Structures are given as C-alpha cells and as structure tokens.
N, C-alpha and C. Protein backbone atom coordinates (compact mmCIF):
# COMPACT_ATOMS: atom_id res chain seq x y z
N MET A 1 159.32 115.44 160.51
CA MET A 1 158.30 115.60 159.32
C MET A 1 157.43 116.59 159.56
N LYS A 2 157.18 116.62 160.88
CA LYS A 2 156.10 117.77 161.35
C LYS A 2 156.65 119.06 161.12
N SER A 3 158.09 119.12 161.26
CA SER A 3 158.54 120.58 161.06
C SER A 3 158.43 121.15 159.50
N ASN A 4 158.71 119.96 158.77
CA ASN A 4 158.79 120.15 157.27
C ASN A 4 157.45 120.54 156.85
N ARG A 5 156.36 119.90 157.35
CA ARG A 5 154.95 120.27 157.04
C ARG A 5 154.65 121.62 157.40
N LEU A 6 155.12 121.87 158.68
CA LEU A 6 154.80 123.32 159.19
C LEU A 6 155.49 124.46 158.47
N LEU A 7 156.73 124.01 157.95
CA LEU A 7 157.46 125.09 157.06
C LEU A 7 156.77 125.36 155.74
N LEU A 8 156.14 124.10 155.31
CA LEU A 8 155.43 124.24 153.91
C LEU A 8 154.12 125.12 154.08
N THR A 9 153.60 124.81 155.14
CA THR A 9 152.24 125.37 155.43
C THR A 9 152.44 127.01 155.41
N VAL A 10 153.65 127.44 156.22
CA VAL A 10 153.90 128.80 156.46
C VAL A 10 154.39 129.38 155.06
N MET A 11 155.14 128.69 154.18
CA MET A 11 155.41 129.23 152.92
C MET A 11 154.22 129.21 152.00
N LEU A 12 153.12 128.32 152.08
CA LEU A 12 152.21 128.47 151.26
C LEU A 12 151.17 129.74 151.63
N CYS A 13 151.14 129.88 153.05
CA CYS A 13 150.44 130.97 153.53
C CYS A 13 151.07 132.38 153.03
N SER A 14 152.35 132.43 153.10
CA SER A 14 153.09 133.65 152.68
C SER A 14 152.87 133.92 151.24
N ILE A 15 152.77 132.91 150.43
CA ILE A 15 152.47 133.01 149.03
C ILE A 15 151.12 133.61 148.66
N LEU A 16 150.26 133.00 149.32
CA LEU A 16 148.69 133.21 149.42
C LEU A 16 148.56 134.76 149.82
N LEU A 17 149.20 135.18 150.75
CA LEU A 17 149.17 136.52 151.27
C LEU A 17 149.56 137.57 150.32
N SER A 18 150.96 137.23 149.76
CA SER A 18 151.59 138.12 148.96
C SER A 18 150.69 138.21 147.39
N CYS A 19 150.19 137.04 147.07
CA CYS A 19 149.35 137.16 145.97
C CYS A 19 148.02 137.83 146.11
N GLY A 20 147.45 137.84 147.22
CA GLY A 20 146.13 138.56 147.66
C GLY A 20 146.52 140.02 147.63
N LYS A 21 147.70 140.58 148.21
CA LYS A 21 148.02 141.93 148.14
C LYS A 21 148.36 142.43 146.78
N SER A 22 148.78 141.61 145.88
CA SER A 22 149.11 142.17 144.61
C SER A 22 148.01 142.23 143.64
N GLN A 23 146.84 141.56 144.03
CA GLN A 23 145.63 141.46 143.12
C GLN A 23 145.03 142.79 143.26
N VAL A 24 144.52 143.25 142.00
CA VAL A 24 143.99 144.65 141.84
C VAL A 24 142.43 144.47 142.23
N ASN A 25 141.99 145.42 143.03
CA ASN A 25 140.53 145.47 143.43
C ASN A 25 140.00 146.67 142.50
N PRO A 26 139.39 146.48 141.31
CA PRO A 26 138.98 147.39 140.42
C PRO A 26 137.91 148.41 141.18
N VAL A 27 137.19 147.93 141.97
CA VAL A 27 136.06 148.92 142.55
C VAL A 27 136.82 149.74 143.62
N GLN A 28 137.73 149.35 144.36
CA GLN A 28 138.51 150.06 145.26
C GLN A 28 139.14 151.23 144.49
N GLU A 29 139.88 150.76 143.49
CA GLU A 29 140.53 151.73 142.57
C GLU A 29 139.60 152.90 142.06
N ALA A 30 138.50 152.55 141.55
CA ALA A 30 137.69 153.57 141.15
C ALA A 30 137.03 154.47 142.32
N LEU A 31 136.84 153.82 143.48
CA LEU A 31 136.52 154.66 144.67
C LEU A 31 137.77 155.76 144.99
N ASP A 32 138.89 155.21 144.97
CA ASP A 32 139.99 155.99 145.40
C ASP A 32 140.07 157.14 144.38
N PHE A 33 139.90 156.74 142.98
CA PHE A 33 139.88 157.97 141.86
C PHE A 33 138.85 158.95 142.19
N GLN A 34 137.64 158.55 142.52
CA GLN A 34 136.55 159.47 142.93
C GLN A 34 136.87 160.24 144.13
N GLU A 35 137.63 159.77 145.16
CA GLU A 35 138.08 160.40 146.50
C GLU A 35 139.02 161.41 146.16
N GLU A 36 140.11 161.06 145.32
CA GLU A 36 141.20 161.85 144.99
C GLU A 36 140.76 163.13 143.98
N LEU A 37 139.94 162.73 143.07
CA LEU A 37 139.25 163.77 142.25
C LEU A 37 138.43 164.95 143.07
N ASN A 38 137.75 164.39 143.98
CA ASN A 38 136.93 165.21 144.73
C ASN A 38 137.84 166.19 145.71
N ALA A 39 138.86 165.65 146.14
CA ALA A 39 139.78 166.34 147.18
C ALA A 39 140.48 167.37 146.10
N GLN A 40 140.74 167.20 145.08
CA GLN A 40 141.48 167.90 144.18
C GLN A 40 140.41 169.26 143.93
N PHE A 41 139.27 168.85 143.53
CA PHE A 41 138.27 169.97 143.43
C PHE A 41 137.99 170.87 144.63
N ALA A 42 137.94 170.20 145.87
CA ALA A 42 137.82 170.98 147.00
C ALA A 42 139.01 171.89 147.47
N ASP A 43 140.10 171.65 146.81
CA ASP A 43 141.44 172.35 147.27
C ASP A 43 141.40 173.65 146.41
N SER A 44 141.37 174.77 147.36
CA SER A 44 141.33 176.00 146.68
C SER A 44 142.45 176.33 145.52
N GLU A 45 143.46 175.78 145.80
CA GLU A 45 144.89 175.80 144.89
C GLU A 45 144.64 174.92 143.55
N ASP A 46 144.17 173.81 143.71
CA ASP A 46 144.17 172.79 142.62
C ASP A 46 142.86 172.80 141.74
N SER A 47 141.73 173.27 142.43
CA SER A 47 140.40 173.25 141.86
C SER A 47 140.38 174.02 140.66
N PRO A 48 139.78 173.37 139.32
CA PRO A 48 139.41 174.05 138.21
C PRO A 48 138.25 174.93 138.29
N LEU A 49 137.46 174.81 139.43
CA LEU A 49 136.15 175.48 139.42
C LEU A 49 136.31 176.98 139.70
N THR A 50 135.35 177.69 139.16
CA THR A 50 135.38 179.27 139.42
C THR A 50 135.12 179.44 140.95
N GLU A 51 135.51 180.48 141.35
CA GLU A 51 135.45 180.94 142.79
C GLU A 51 133.99 180.56 143.38
N LYS A 52 133.02 181.09 142.52
CA LYS A 52 131.56 180.84 142.90
C LYS A 52 131.21 179.34 143.19
N ASP A 53 131.71 178.74 141.99
CA ASP A 53 131.17 177.21 142.22
C ASP A 53 132.07 176.38 143.43
N TRP A 54 133.38 176.81 143.55
CA TRP A 54 134.13 176.28 144.47
C TRP A 54 133.58 176.42 145.97
N LEU A 55 132.96 177.56 146.19
CA LEU A 55 132.40 178.05 147.54
C LEU A 55 131.27 177.07 147.98
N THR A 56 130.60 176.50 146.98
CA THR A 56 129.47 175.67 147.30
C THR A 56 129.70 174.12 146.82
N PHE A 57 131.00 173.92 146.36
CA PHE A 57 131.29 172.64 146.07
C PHE A 57 131.15 171.50 146.95
N GLU A 58 130.42 170.31 146.87
CA GLU A 58 130.37 169.33 147.68
C GLU A 58 131.07 168.02 147.11
N SER A 59 130.73 167.67 145.91
CA SER A 59 131.13 166.40 145.26
C SER A 59 130.79 166.43 143.82
N LEU A 60 131.55 166.03 142.94
CA LEU A 60 131.27 165.64 141.66
C LEU A 60 130.19 164.57 141.48
N GLU A 61 129.64 164.29 140.52
CA GLU A 61 128.63 163.35 140.30
C GLU A 61 129.29 162.26 139.35
N PHE A 62 129.25 161.15 139.67
CA PHE A 62 129.58 159.87 139.09
C PHE A 62 128.61 158.77 138.63
N PHE A 63 128.89 158.17 137.45
CA PHE A 63 128.14 157.13 137.24
C PHE A 63 128.33 156.05 138.25
N PRO A 64 127.41 155.07 138.49
CA PRO A 64 127.74 153.93 139.38
C PRO A 64 128.97 153.26 138.79
N ILE A 65 129.67 152.75 139.72
CA ILE A 65 130.87 151.99 139.36
C ILE A 65 130.47 150.66 138.60
N ASP A 66 131.11 150.41 137.44
CA ASP A 66 130.60 149.20 136.78
C ASP A 66 131.98 148.59 136.07
N THR A 67 132.28 147.40 136.71
CA THR A 67 133.51 146.89 136.20
C THR A 67 133.62 146.23 134.77
N THR A 68 132.29 146.18 134.28
CA THR A 68 132.37 145.88 132.88
C THR A 68 132.89 146.84 132.02
N TYR A 69 133.03 147.99 132.46
CA TYR A 69 133.70 149.23 131.59
C TYR A 69 135.34 149.21 132.05
N ARG A 70 135.70 148.20 132.69
CA ARG A 70 137.26 148.12 132.78
C ARG A 70 137.69 146.97 131.87
N VAL A 71 138.45 147.38 130.89
CA VAL A 71 138.80 146.31 129.69
C VAL A 71 140.15 146.22 129.62
N ARG A 72 140.67 145.13 129.15
CA ARG A 72 141.97 145.09 128.73
C ARG A 72 142.05 145.03 127.26
N ALA A 73 143.04 145.95 126.79
CA ALA A 73 143.06 146.33 125.45
C ALA A 73 144.46 145.75 124.86
N ARG A 74 144.54 145.30 123.71
CA ARG A 74 145.64 144.98 122.98
C ARG A 74 146.03 146.20 122.26
N LEU A 75 147.46 146.52 122.26
CA LEU A 75 148.05 147.87 121.71
C LEU A 75 148.64 147.31 120.41
N GLU A 76 148.33 148.32 119.39
CA GLU A 76 148.86 148.15 118.05
C GLU A 76 149.68 149.28 117.78
N PHE A 77 151.13 149.19 117.86
CA PHE A 77 151.97 150.15 117.66
C PHE A 77 152.21 150.58 116.26
N HIS A 78 152.48 151.83 116.05
CA HIS A 78 152.76 152.35 114.54
C HIS A 78 154.08 152.77 114.47
N ASN A 79 154.69 152.52 113.39
CA ASN A 79 156.01 153.03 112.98
C ASN A 79 156.01 154.44 112.39
N ASP A 80 157.09 155.02 112.47
CA ASP A 80 157.27 156.31 111.72
C ASP A 80 156.02 157.32 111.77
N VAL A 81 155.43 157.41 113.21
CA VAL A 81 154.38 158.26 113.15
C VAL A 81 155.11 159.66 113.59
N LYS A 82 154.33 160.72 113.24
CA LYS A 82 154.92 162.08 113.25
C LYS A 82 154.19 162.75 114.49
N PRO A 83 154.85 163.58 115.07
CA PRO A 83 154.04 164.43 116.14
C PRO A 83 153.04 165.31 115.30
N PHE A 84 151.96 165.75 116.14
CA PHE A 84 150.82 166.62 115.38
C PHE A 84 150.22 167.56 116.39
N ALA A 85 149.84 168.71 116.01
CA ALA A 85 149.15 169.69 116.75
C ALA A 85 147.69 169.24 117.20
N MET A 86 147.50 169.03 118.31
CA MET A 86 145.94 168.71 118.69
C MET A 86 145.21 169.97 118.85
N GLN A 87 143.97 169.94 118.26
CA GLN A 87 143.02 171.00 118.42
C GLN A 87 142.53 171.03 119.86
N THR A 88 142.41 172.26 120.29
CA THR A 88 141.76 172.67 121.65
C THR A 88 140.69 173.51 121.55
N THR A 89 140.05 173.89 122.70
CA THR A 89 139.12 174.74 122.74
C THR A 89 139.45 176.11 122.70
N THR A 90 140.73 176.43 122.46
CA THR A 90 141.29 177.84 122.21
C THR A 90 142.28 177.74 121.04
N ASP A 91 142.99 178.66 120.79
CA ASP A 91 144.08 178.88 119.83
C ASP A 91 145.36 177.89 120.20
N ARG A 92 145.39 177.44 121.27
CA ARG A 92 146.60 176.71 121.79
C ARG A 92 146.56 175.34 121.08
N LEU A 93 147.78 174.98 120.60
CA LEU A 93 147.99 173.84 119.78
C LEU A 93 149.01 172.98 120.42
N PRO A 94 148.76 172.06 121.47
CA PRO A 94 149.75 171.40 121.99
C PRO A 94 150.23 170.16 121.18
N ILE A 95 151.34 169.79 121.19
CA ILE A 95 151.97 168.76 120.25
C ILE A 95 151.90 167.45 121.07
N TYR A 96 151.11 166.41 120.15
CA TYR A 96 151.10 165.05 120.71
C TYR A 96 151.62 164.13 119.56
N LYS A 97 151.90 162.94 120.01
CA LYS A 97 152.31 161.88 119.17
C LYS A 97 151.46 160.69 119.40
N LEU A 98 151.15 160.04 118.44
CA LEU A 98 150.36 158.68 118.62
C LEU A 98 151.09 157.64 119.22
N TYR A 99 150.96 157.18 120.51
CA TYR A 99 151.65 156.05 120.95
C TYR A 99 151.33 154.82 120.42
N ALA A 100 149.83 154.51 120.32
CA ALA A 100 149.46 153.13 119.91
C ALA A 100 147.87 153.24 119.71
N THR A 101 147.38 152.28 118.92
CA THR A 101 145.86 152.10 118.99
C THR A 101 145.50 150.94 119.82
N ALA A 102 144.66 151.35 120.68
CA ALA A 102 144.10 150.23 121.70
C ALA A 102 142.88 149.45 121.13
N ARG A 103 142.99 148.13 121.07
CA ARG A 103 141.67 147.54 120.57
C ARG A 103 141.24 146.54 121.57
N PHE A 104 139.92 146.66 121.66
CA PHE A 104 139.21 145.85 122.78
C PHE A 104 137.82 145.67 122.69
N GLN A 105 137.18 144.81 123.42
CA GLN A 105 135.86 144.55 123.00
C GLN A 105 135.08 145.04 124.46
N LEU A 106 133.98 145.87 124.10
CA LEU A 106 133.19 146.34 125.09
C LEU A 106 131.70 146.38 124.67
N LYS A 107 130.84 145.55 125.76
CA LYS A 107 129.35 145.43 125.58
C LYS A 107 129.37 144.70 124.23
N GLY A 108 130.02 143.71 123.78
CA GLY A 108 129.79 143.01 122.61
C GLY A 108 130.23 143.57 121.36
N LYS A 109 130.90 144.74 121.38
CA LYS A 109 131.29 145.56 120.23
C LYS A 109 132.94 145.63 120.17
N GLU A 110 133.39 145.45 118.97
CA GLU A 110 134.80 145.65 118.72
C GLU A 110 135.04 147.28 118.71
N CYS A 111 135.97 147.57 119.61
CA CYS A 111 136.13 149.07 119.60
C CYS A 111 137.77 149.34 119.41
N SER A 112 138.07 150.51 119.18
CA SER A 112 139.48 150.89 119.08
C SER A 112 139.58 152.43 119.40
N LEU A 113 140.58 152.75 120.11
CA LEU A 113 140.86 154.29 120.54
C LEU A 113 142.34 154.46 120.44
N GLU A 114 142.86 155.56 120.03
CA GLU A 114 144.07 156.02 119.97
C GLU A 114 144.53 156.66 121.17
N ILE A 115 145.77 156.19 121.68
CA ILE A 115 146.39 156.61 122.75
C ILE A 115 147.56 157.71 122.46
N TYR A 116 147.65 158.83 123.20
CA TYR A 116 148.72 159.74 122.78
C TYR A 116 149.65 159.97 123.86
N GLN A 117 150.63 160.64 123.40
CA GLN A 117 151.94 161.03 124.37
C GLN A 117 152.06 162.51 123.94
N ASN A 118 151.90 163.38 125.12
CA ASN A 118 152.28 164.81 125.08
C ASN A 118 153.77 165.03 124.89
N GLN A 119 154.16 165.77 123.94
CA GLN A 119 155.62 165.67 123.65
C GLN A 119 156.36 166.69 124.52
N GLU A 120 155.60 167.40 125.33
CA GLU A 120 156.34 168.50 126.18
C GLU A 120 156.47 167.62 127.47
N LEU A 121 155.22 166.82 127.97
CA LEU A 121 155.36 166.17 129.21
C LEU A 121 156.37 164.93 129.28
N ILE A 122 156.79 164.33 128.12
CA ILE A 122 157.72 163.38 128.10
C ILE A 122 159.12 163.58 128.30
N LEU A 123 159.13 165.06 128.36
CA LEU A 123 160.64 165.43 128.67
C LEU A 123 160.83 165.68 130.32
N ASP A 124 159.52 165.75 131.07
CA ASP A 124 159.64 165.79 132.48
C ASP A 124 159.76 164.43 132.98
N PRO A 125 160.89 164.13 133.76
CA PRO A 125 161.06 162.81 134.36
C PRO A 125 159.78 162.24 135.16
N GLU A 126 159.14 163.05 135.74
CA GLU A 126 157.74 162.71 136.58
C GLU A 126 156.82 162.23 135.77
N HIS A 127 156.73 162.60 134.54
CA HIS A 127 155.66 162.40 133.53
C HIS A 127 156.06 161.81 132.25
N SER A 128 157.26 161.18 132.17
CA SER A 128 157.80 160.56 131.10
C SER A 128 156.99 159.34 130.52
N ASP A 129 156.17 158.77 131.45
CA ASP A 129 155.58 157.60 130.95
C ASP A 129 154.02 157.72 131.01
N TYR A 130 153.68 159.04 130.92
CA TYR A 130 152.32 159.51 130.96
C TYR A 130 151.75 159.19 129.65
N LEU A 131 150.32 158.78 129.43
CA LEU A 131 149.66 158.71 128.26
C LEU A 131 148.30 159.14 128.35
N PHE A 132 147.95 159.70 127.27
CA PHE A 132 146.54 160.53 127.29
C PHE A 132 145.62 159.69 126.23
N LEU A 133 144.30 159.59 126.99
CA LEU A 133 143.28 159.14 126.24
C LEU A 133 142.07 159.78 126.27
N PRO A 134 141.83 160.77 125.15
CA PRO A 134 140.53 161.47 125.08
C PRO A 134 139.59 160.66 124.27
N PHE A 135 138.27 160.92 124.55
CA PHE A 135 137.29 159.99 123.77
C PHE A 135 136.07 160.68 123.96
N THR A 136 135.16 160.50 122.97
CA THR A 136 133.72 160.78 123.05
C THR A 136 132.81 159.55 122.90
N ASP A 137 131.72 159.63 123.48
CA ASP A 137 130.57 158.52 123.38
C ASP A 137 129.18 159.01 123.24
N LYS A 138 128.31 158.08 123.35
CA LYS A 138 126.76 158.54 123.06
C LYS A 138 126.30 159.26 124.44
N THR A 139 126.97 159.32 125.56
CA THR A 139 126.40 159.85 126.59
C THR A 139 126.82 161.40 126.54
N ASN A 140 127.54 162.00 125.69
CA ASN A 140 128.05 163.34 125.65
C ASN A 140 127.01 164.30 125.19
N GLY A 141 126.71 165.30 126.04
CA GLY A 141 125.77 166.38 125.97
C GLY A 141 124.57 165.81 126.54
N ASN A 142 124.45 164.85 127.16
CA ASN A 142 123.32 164.24 127.94
C ASN A 142 123.58 164.14 129.48
N SER A 143 124.01 162.95 129.67
CA SER A 143 124.32 162.62 131.10
C SER A 143 125.88 162.91 131.21
N SER A 144 126.80 163.13 130.44
CA SER A 144 128.20 163.58 130.49
C SER A 144 128.39 164.70 129.71
N TYR A 145 129.64 165.19 129.86
CA TYR A 145 130.00 166.63 129.09
C TYR A 145 130.06 166.35 127.68
N GLY A 146 129.50 167.48 127.12
CA GLY A 146 129.36 167.28 125.69
C GLY A 146 130.54 167.34 124.85
N GLY A 147 131.68 167.85 125.45
CA GLY A 147 133.01 167.91 124.69
C GLY A 147 133.75 166.60 124.86
N GLY A 148 133.42 165.60 125.57
CA GLY A 148 133.98 164.44 125.69
C GLY A 148 134.78 164.24 127.04
N ARG A 149 135.45 163.20 127.34
CA ARG A 149 136.06 162.85 128.50
C ARG A 149 137.46 162.45 128.33
N TYR A 150 138.34 162.34 129.31
CA TYR A 150 139.86 161.86 129.21
C TYR A 150 140.06 160.74 130.36
N ILE A 151 141.09 159.96 129.87
CA ILE A 151 141.45 158.93 130.99
C ILE A 151 143.05 159.10 130.85
N ASP A 152 143.56 159.06 132.11
CA ASP A 152 145.11 159.10 132.15
C ASP A 152 145.59 157.67 132.43
N LEU A 153 146.63 157.48 131.43
CA LEU A 153 147.27 156.10 131.58
C LEU A 153 148.86 156.00 131.66
N SER A 154 149.34 154.83 132.13
CA SER A 154 150.81 155.00 131.88
C SER A 154 151.34 153.97 130.99
N ILE A 155 152.51 154.19 130.51
CA ILE A 155 153.17 153.13 129.70
C ILE A 155 153.13 151.64 130.23
N PRO A 156 152.66 150.87 129.68
CA PRO A 156 152.70 149.54 130.09
C PRO A 156 154.05 148.67 129.77
N GLU A 157 154.20 147.49 130.38
CA GLU A 157 155.28 146.80 130.23
C GLU A 157 155.40 146.06 128.80
N GLY A 158 154.18 145.57 128.34
CA GLY A 158 154.03 144.81 127.23
C GLY A 158 153.11 145.52 126.27
N ASP A 159 152.48 144.67 125.46
CA ASP A 159 151.47 145.14 124.33
C ASP A 159 150.15 145.15 124.70
N GLU A 160 149.73 145.10 126.12
CA GLU A 160 148.47 145.26 126.55
C GLU A 160 148.43 146.25 127.71
N ILE A 161 147.15 146.87 127.72
CA ILE A 161 147.00 147.98 128.65
C ILE A 161 145.59 147.82 129.27
N VAL A 162 145.42 148.22 130.53
CA VAL A 162 144.12 148.24 131.17
C VAL A 162 143.43 149.70 131.04
N ILE A 163 142.26 149.67 130.41
CA ILE A 163 141.51 150.94 130.29
C ILE A 163 140.16 150.95 131.14
N ASP A 164 140.23 151.77 132.30
CA ASP A 164 138.97 151.74 133.17
C ASP A 164 138.37 152.98 132.80
N PHE A 165 137.13 152.88 132.24
CA PHE A 165 136.26 154.16 131.99
C PHE A 165 135.57 154.57 133.18
N ASN A 166 135.73 153.71 134.32
CA ASN A 166 135.09 154.37 135.71
C ASN A 166 136.07 155.43 136.07
N GLN A 167 137.35 155.62 135.47
CA GLN A 167 138.29 156.73 135.88
C GLN A 167 138.39 157.71 134.85
N SER A 168 137.36 157.75 134.00
CA SER A 168 137.32 158.89 133.02
C SER A 168 136.77 160.29 133.64
N TYR A 169 137.25 161.19 133.32
CA TYR A 169 137.07 162.62 133.90
C TYR A 169 136.81 163.64 132.81
N ASN A 170 136.25 164.66 133.38
CA ASN A 170 135.92 165.95 132.52
C ASN A 170 137.05 166.73 132.05
N PRO A 171 137.25 167.22 131.04
CA PRO A 171 138.10 168.47 130.75
C PRO A 171 138.07 169.61 131.73
N TYR A 172 139.10 170.40 132.21
CA TYR A 172 138.73 171.38 133.00
C TYR A 172 137.90 172.42 132.40
N CYS A 173 137.74 172.64 131.07
CA CYS A 173 136.84 173.62 130.50
C CYS A 173 135.40 173.21 130.64
N ALA A 174 135.24 172.10 131.25
CA ALA A 174 133.75 171.57 131.52
C ALA A 174 133.28 172.37 132.76
N TYR A 175 134.21 172.86 133.45
CA TYR A 175 133.88 173.69 134.69
C TYR A 175 134.31 175.33 134.68
N ASN A 176 135.15 175.46 133.88
CA ASN A 176 135.72 176.89 133.87
C ASN A 176 136.22 177.27 132.30
N SER A 177 135.61 178.12 131.67
CA SER A 177 135.77 178.53 130.31
C SER A 177 137.34 179.14 130.25
N GLU A 178 137.83 179.53 131.22
CA GLU A 178 139.26 179.99 131.20
C GLU A 178 140.21 179.07 130.53
N TYR A 179 139.93 177.68 130.80
CA TYR A 179 140.82 176.79 130.56
C TYR A 179 140.83 176.43 128.94
N SER A 180 141.93 176.01 128.60
CA SER A 180 142.21 175.36 127.23
C SER A 180 142.36 174.05 127.23
N CYS A 181 141.24 173.21 126.50
CA CYS A 181 141.24 171.81 126.71
C CYS A 181 141.49 171.12 125.31
N PRO A 182 142.25 170.08 125.19
CA PRO A 182 142.29 169.24 124.05
C PRO A 182 140.91 168.73 123.49
N ILE A 183 140.44 168.83 122.25
CA ILE A 183 139.36 168.15 121.94
C ILE A 183 139.71 166.61 121.22
N PRO A 184 138.77 165.86 121.81
CA PRO A 184 139.09 164.29 121.33
C PRO A 184 139.06 164.36 119.89
N PRO A 185 139.92 163.69 119.14
CA PRO A 185 139.88 163.50 117.74
C PRO A 185 138.85 162.65 117.37
N ARG A 186 138.26 162.75 116.05
CA ARG A 186 136.91 162.18 115.82
C ARG A 186 137.32 160.58 115.75
N VAL A 187 138.43 160.12 115.62
CA VAL A 187 138.74 158.69 115.48
C VAL A 187 138.44 158.06 116.98
N ASN A 188 138.51 158.94 117.85
CA ASN A 188 138.12 158.23 119.24
C ASN A 188 136.74 158.52 119.72
N ASP A 189 135.95 158.30 118.83
CA ASP A 189 134.40 158.29 119.16
C ASP A 189 133.89 156.97 119.29
N ILE A 190 133.32 156.60 120.24
CA ILE A 190 132.93 155.12 120.63
C ILE A 190 131.32 155.15 120.31
N ASP A 191 130.95 154.38 119.73
CA ASP A 191 129.61 153.94 119.31
C ASP A 191 128.87 153.48 120.31
N LEU A 192 129.07 153.83 121.47
CA LEU A 192 128.32 153.18 122.81
C LEU A 192 128.05 154.34 123.84
N GLU A 193 127.12 153.95 124.62
CA GLU A 193 127.03 154.82 125.79
C GLU A 193 128.12 154.31 126.99
N ILE A 194 128.91 155.15 127.23
CA ILE A 194 129.98 154.84 128.33
C ILE A 194 129.34 155.46 129.65
N ARG A 195 128.54 154.64 130.26
CA ARG A 195 127.91 154.97 131.48
C ARG A 195 128.81 154.76 132.75
N ALA A 196 130.03 155.38 132.81
CA ALA A 196 131.00 155.32 133.76
C ALA A 196 131.85 156.43 133.88
N GLY A 197 132.42 156.66 135.08
CA GLY A 197 133.19 157.81 135.18
C GLY A 197 132.42 159.15 135.71
N VAL A 198 132.95 160.18 135.43
CA VAL A 198 132.34 161.44 135.86
C VAL A 198 131.20 161.87 135.05
N LYS A 199 130.11 162.39 135.61
CA LYS A 199 129.00 162.83 134.90
C LYS A 199 129.30 164.28 134.43
N ALA A 200 128.25 164.88 133.64
CA ALA A 200 128.30 166.25 133.33
C ALA A 200 128.11 167.23 134.62
N TYR A 201 128.72 168.35 134.66
CA TYR A 201 128.65 169.19 135.96
C TYR A 201 127.75 170.25 135.80
N GLY A 202 126.74 170.39 136.72
CA GLY A 202 125.66 171.45 136.81
C GLY A 202 125.24 171.73 135.29
N ASP A 203 125.23 173.00 134.99
CA ASP A 203 124.63 173.58 133.74
C ASP A 203 125.79 173.81 132.72
N HIS A 204 126.95 173.48 133.13
CA HIS A 204 128.14 173.68 132.24
C HIS A 204 127.96 172.92 130.96
C-alpha cells in the first residue's frame, strides 16, 4: 500500500511540475521581448538606427509592463477575401491578405483589429505562420510613435489568439527615414490609450 501511495505521490508531483513549466508567465515574456529588442538595436548589423544614434544607444524606452493589456481575442474569419496592396511610408506597396478580425474586450470596451498575412512571407517556410497586426491608438504622437505600432503574431491552432500589447513595437521608420513601413489601416485604430509596449524614440 505504501509503495502505491508513493508512486501516486511521485506521479502527482510530476504532473504538477509539467503543468507549471507549461504555464505562460506574461511578465517574463514581456521582459524577454524587451531584452531581445534592445539586443537587436544594439547590434550594428541588425539595428535600424542611424549610425549616429547607434553609437549612443543604450536602451529603448518602454511603458511599464501591464498584463491588463494582454488579451485573448476571438477570431472572425472571412471567406473569399482578396489580397490587397498596403500603403507604406514610401511608394512601396507590399501585398497582404486579411487573415481574420480579432474581437476582444480592453479596458471595458469592445474592440476589433484586423490581422494580416504578408503574401511574400508565407512562401518562406520559416515565416509561413507569421501574422502582422498594425494598429494606432490615442497615445500616437504623444508618448508613442505618431505613425502607430506593430505586433508580431503566429497562426493559432483554433479560433482564439492572444494579443499582448506589451510586445508592440515601432516601425523602423520611427528611427530611420530610409526605411519603408506599412501604414496601419484606419480600421485598426483603437479608441483607447494603449500604454504598453515601446514608447516614442527621441525626437523622431
């Protein structure tokens, strides 16, 4: 009997440990995102900064991590949508396709955002599940970049997706005018202050 109880105890401990490992820590995820982004900007080969700004770069500025800006959204898929040319800050017109509309609640408001697929990237096996979420909000031009921000996502298994605004970042053209950046479609304007993610950079 004792051996059976011991075996049961070991099994329960193993299950609890495995469940603990599988649980997502939103704060740690946001911290990892910030660390990776800073490392990219500090790397002379990957950084979008001008040479002058890169030489003095120490860290991007972020809003305090706030898990209330991490939401679970319901995806509404659309049939027979056609690819379209997304406007950018230059004459470049990358081709995107609407993947789904994400509907969620944030700060007591019903919100919706369109999520897109880049039609060139889906041909690359390494990026075939990549989803693009550009958006604007009431912080733009004040505490965040005036042209809006982006969030990178991956195709989920079902009809729900987690959107963490703590992992929103600025387009490269916020740091260097030589870049061509997609302009968030008007439909993706949120009538809220999204005080999460990367803040505006310097005087850009």
